[in-house]
Amino acid sequence: MRDLEALRDQHKRRLSWMPWLYFALKPRHRAWAEAWQADVQARLLAQETVRLGTGCFIAPKAAIFGEPGRAVVLGDRCAIAAQAFLHGPITLGNDVSVNAGARLDGGRKGLVVGDGTRIASGAAIYAFDHGLQPDRDIKDQPVRSRGIRIGRDAWIGANAGITDGVQIGDHAVVAMGAVVTRDVPEWAIVAGVPATVVGDRRDR
């Protein structure tokens, strides 16, 4: 019995870091995994201003923070991996995944992500920015927020950054390590710092 509990604990850790595995669990694992997730999600709902769709996966060590007026809203079958950070206002569509260590903050104006989009490990998406006026220290600068929108079926690569005010079109790809400072058209592949268009998914 103790060996089974240890194996199950290790399986929970595996799912937390690779949550896509949760959606492919065999029936013998699904019963305990769904009960575990029900407990994890109930505690989150009791503590934060969060709304969850059906069939979501939330790693216990994900950091999800929502307040009144700055809710975190997840559609159906979303997956949030270990050490991901989400601070509302954030709205994720259905089937959105946020992988380990990604950092999402909606600022005041919010972050909206369309259905089926994938956000890879280490991505940094911040819907706010500090002023840079030379007459005051950085710590005293005003903070602005214009919001970020990411379309459906987009892929935000590992360690990519998206700055406040950007809109990313449906089906777009942001390459690993790119820093996006301007809008990205639908289907575009962007790379570099700052990111520029380097291709089109329809040509692949």
Protein backbone atom coordinates (compact mmCIF):
# COMPACT_ATOMS: atom_id res chain seq x y z
CA MET A 1 0.00 0.00 0.00
CA ARG A 2 2.83 2.39 0.87
CA ASP A 3 4.54 1.61 -2.44
CA LEU A 4 1.29 2.39 -4.28
CA GLU A 5 0.96 5.74 -2.47
CA ALA A 6 4.57 6.61 -3.31
CA LEU A 7 4.02 5.73 -6.96
CA ARG A 8 0.84 7.79 -7.04
CA ASP A 9 2.61 10.77 -5.47
CA GLN A 10 5.29 10.55 -8.13
CA HIS A 11 2.63 10.33 -10.82
CA LYS A 12 1.04 13.50 -9.43
CA ARG A 13 4.40 15.25 -9.69
CA ARG A 14 4.78 14.04 -13.29
CA LEU A 15 1.31 15.32 -14.19
CA SER A 16 2.04 18.65 -12.52
CA TRP A 17 5.07 19.29 -14.71
CA MET A 18 3.64 17.68 -17.86
CA PRO A 19 -0.11 18.28 -17.57
CA TRP A 20 -0.88 17.17 -21.12
CA LEU A 21 -0.49 13.64 -19.74
CA TYR A 22 -3.56 14.18 -17.54
CA PHE A 23 -5.84 14.25 -20.57
CA ALA A 24 -4.54 10.87 -21.78
CA LEU A 25 -4.76 8.97 -18.48
CA LYS A 26 -5.92 5.37 -18.58
CA PRO A 27 -9.17 4.57 -16.76
CA ARG A 28 -7.38 2.98 -13.78
CA HIS A 29 -5.62 6.29 -13.09
CA ARG A 30 -8.41 8.67 -14.02
CA ALA A 31 -10.56 8.03 -10.92
CA TRP A 32 -7.91 9.01 -8.38
CA ALA A 33 -6.56 11.81 -10.58
CA GLU A 34 -9.98 13.42 -10.98
CA ALA A 35 -10.61 13.21 -7.23
CA TRP A 36 -7.21 14.80 -6.59
CA GLN A 37 -7.95 17.59 -9.08
CA ALA A 38 -11.38 18.20 -7.53
CA ASP A 39 -9.67 18.82 -4.20
CA VAL A 40 -6.95 21.06 -5.69
CA GLN A 41 -9.50 23.13 -7.58
CA ALA A 42 -11.94 23.40 -4.67
CA ARG A 43 -9.21 24.90 -2.48
CA LEU A 44 -8.26 27.36 -5.22
CA LEU A 45 -11.89 28.42 -5.75
CA ALA A 46 -12.33 28.95 -2.00
CA GLN A 47 -9.27 31.20 -1.76
CA GLU A 48 -9.11 33.24 -4.99
CA THR A 49 -11.41 35.02 -7.44
CA VAL A 50 -11.18 32.30 -10.07
CA ARG A 51 -13.69 30.66 -12.43
CA LEU A 52 -12.89 27.25 -13.91
CA GLY A 53 -14.43 25.45 -16.84
CA THR A 54 -14.98 21.70 -16.88
CA GLY A 55 -12.17 19.18 -17.13
CA CYS A 56 -9.32 21.55 -16.25
CA PHE A 57 -5.99 20.51 -14.77
CA ILE A 58 -4.32 22.76 -12.17
CA ALA A 59 -0.94 21.80 -10.72
CA PRO A 60 -0.98 22.27 -6.92
CA LYS A 61 2.18 24.39 -7.12
CA ALA A 62 0.84 26.72 -9.79
CA ALA A 63 0.51 30.26 -8.39
CA ILE A 64 -2.90 31.60 -9.43
CA PHE A 65 -4.09 34.89 -7.96
CA GLY A 66 -7.36 36.65 -8.71
CA GLU A 67 -9.07 39.47 -6.87
CA PRO A 68 -12.50 41.07 -7.27
CA GLY A 69 -12.32 42.96 -10.55
CA ARG A 70 -9.17 41.04 -11.50
CA ALA A 71 -10.49 37.51 -11.87
CA VAL A 72 -8.72 34.57 -13.49
CA VAL A 73 -11.16 32.78 -15.80
CA LEU A 74 -10.30 29.43 -17.41
CA GLY A 75 -12.34 27.78 -20.13
CA ASP A 76 -12.93 24.05 -20.44
CA ARG A 77 -9.98 21.63 -20.41
CA CYS A 78 -7.31 24.22 -19.64
CA ALA A 79 -4.02 23.01 -18.19
CA ILE A 80 -1.84 25.01 -15.79
CA ALA A 81 1.52 23.42 -14.96
CA ALA A 82 3.75 23.58 -11.90
CA GLN A 83 5.33 26.93 -11.07
CA ALA A 84 3.23 28.81 -13.60
CA PHE A 85 2.23 32.26 -12.31
CA LEU A 86 -1.12 33.79 -13.27
CA HIS A 87 -2.38 37.11 -11.91
CA GLY A 88 -5.70 38.46 -13.17
CA PRO A 89 -7.44 39.88 -14.97
CA ILE A 90 -6.84 36.90 -17.25
CA THR A 91 -9.31 35.05 -19.47
CA LEU A 92 -8.22 31.82 -21.13
CA GLY A 93 -10.41 30.14 -23.76
CA ASN A 94 -11.02 26.42 -24.02
CA ASP A 95 -8.10 23.98 -24.33
CA VAL A 96 -5.41 26.53 -23.44
CA SER A 97 -2.21 25.21 -21.84
CA VAL A 98 0.22 27.18 -19.71
CA ASN A 99 3.40 25.19 -19.15
CA ALA A 100 5.86 25.13 -16.29
CA GLY A 101 7.31 28.42 -15.16
CA ALA A 102 5.31 30.63 -17.53
CA ARG A 103 4.43 34.05 -16.08
CA LEU A 104 1.19 35.81 -17.00
CA ASP A 105 -0.02 39.09 -15.48
CA GLY A 106 -3.09 40.90 -16.78
CA GLY A 107 -2.16 44.31 -15.37
CA ARG A 108 -5.25 46.52 -15.10
CA LYS A 109 -6.57 46.07 -18.64
CA GLY A 110 -6.29 42.30 -18.84
CA LEU A 111 -4.89 39.40 -20.82
CA VAL A 112 -7.20 37.42 -23.12
CA VAL A 113 -6.07 34.16 -24.78
CA GLY A 114 -8.06 32.35 -27.46
CA ASP A 115 -9.06 28.68 -27.69
CA GLY A 116 -6.39 26.05 -28.18
CA THR A 117 -3.39 28.33 -27.66
CA ARG A 118 -0.20 26.90 -26.18
CA ILE A 119 2.05 28.94 -23.87
CA ALA A 120 5.39 27.22 -23.38
CA SER A 121 7.66 27.03 -20.36
CA GLY A 122 9.24 30.27 -19.21
CA ALA A 123 7.13 32.57 -21.38
CA ALA A 124 6.65 36.03 -19.84
CA ILE A 125 3.44 37.91 -20.72
CA TYR A 126 2.90 41.17 -18.84
CA ALA A 127 -0.01 43.50 -19.63
CA PHE A 128 1.56 46.48 -17.86
CA ASP A 129 4.72 48.55 -18.06
CA HIS A 130 6.63 51.18 -16.08
CA GLY A 131 7.31 54.72 -17.25
CA LEU A 132 10.86 55.78 -18.12
CA GLN A 133 10.85 59.52 -17.51
CA PRO A 134 14.33 60.75 -16.51
CA ASP A 135 13.07 63.04 -13.73
CA ARG A 136 12.32 60.23 -11.28
CA ASP A 137 13.66 56.85 -10.20
CA ILE A 138 12.26 53.70 -11.76
CA LYS A 139 10.59 52.78 -8.46
CA ASP A 140 8.61 56.04 -8.59
CA GLN A 141 7.51 55.78 -12.23
CA PRO A 142 3.79 55.48 -13.03
CA VAL A 143 2.54 52.11 -14.26
CA ARG A 144 0.42 51.90 -17.39
CA SER A 145 -1.68 49.02 -18.75
CA ARG A 146 -3.18 48.66 -22.23
CA GLY A 147 -3.89 44.93 -22.19
CA ILE A 148 -2.77 41.99 -24.35
CA ARG A 149 -4.81 39.79 -26.68
CA ILE A 150 -3.58 36.46 -28.05
CA GLY A 151 -5.71 34.76 -30.68
CA ARG A 152 -6.79 31.16 -30.99
CA ASP A 153 -4.50 28.29 -32.00
CA ALA A 154 -1.37 30.36 -31.34
CA TRP A 155 1.90 29.02 -29.99
CA ILE A 156 4.00 31.13 -27.64
CA GLY A 157 7.45 29.52 -27.51
CA ALA A 158 9.64 28.82 -24.50
CA ASN A 159 11.11 31.91 -22.82
CA ALA A 160 9.34 34.26 -25.23
CA GLY A 161 8.26 37.67 -23.95
CA ILE A 162 5.16 39.67 -24.88
CA THR A 163 4.93 43.31 -23.86
CA ASP A 164 1.90 45.38 -22.91
CA GLY A 165 -0.43 46.55 -25.67
CA VAL A 166 0.37 43.74 -28.14
CA GLN A 167 -2.21 41.77 -30.11
CA ILE A 168 -1.22 38.40 -31.55
CA GLY A 169 -3.38 37.02 -34.35
CA ASP A 170 -5.00 33.61 -34.66
CA HIS A 171 -2.67 30.74 -35.62
CA ALA A 172 0.50 32.81 -35.05
CA VAL A 173 3.77 31.38 -33.69
CA VAL A 174 6.18 33.26 -31.44
CA ALA A 175 9.60 31.58 -31.54
CA MET A 176 11.59 30.53 -28.50
CA GLY A 177 13.22 33.53 -26.83
CA ALA A 178 11.52 36.15 -29.03
CA VAL A 179 10.45 39.46 -27.49
CA VAL A 180 7.22 40.73 -29.05
CA THR A 181 6.81 44.51 -28.89
CA ARG A 182 4.29 45.05 -31.72
CA ASP A 183 1.22 43.33 -33.13
CA VAL A 184 1.63 39.97 -34.87
CA PRO A 185 -0.57 39.14 -37.89
CA GLU A 186 -2.61 35.96 -38.20
CA TRP A 187 -0.56 32.92 -39.27
CA ALA A 188 2.74 34.81 -38.89
CA ILE A 189 5.87 33.23 -37.42
CA VAL A 190 7.92 35.81 -35.53
CA ALA A 191 11.40 35.52 -34.02
CA GLY A 192 14.17 37.69 -32.62
CA VAL A 193 14.61 40.65 -30.28
CA PRO A 194 12.57 42.62 -31.05
CA ALA A 195 10.47 40.03 -32.87
CA THR A 196 9.95 40.35 -36.63
CA VAL A 197 8.03 38.22 -39.10
CA VAL A 198 10.21 35.40 -40.45
CA GLY A 199 7.58 33.18 -42.04
CA ASP A 200 3.97 32.07 -42.42
CA ARG A 201 2.53 28.84 -40.99
CA ARG A 202 0.60 28.24 -44.20
CA ASP A 203 3.88 27.84 -46.07
CA ARG A 204 5.11 24.99 -43.86
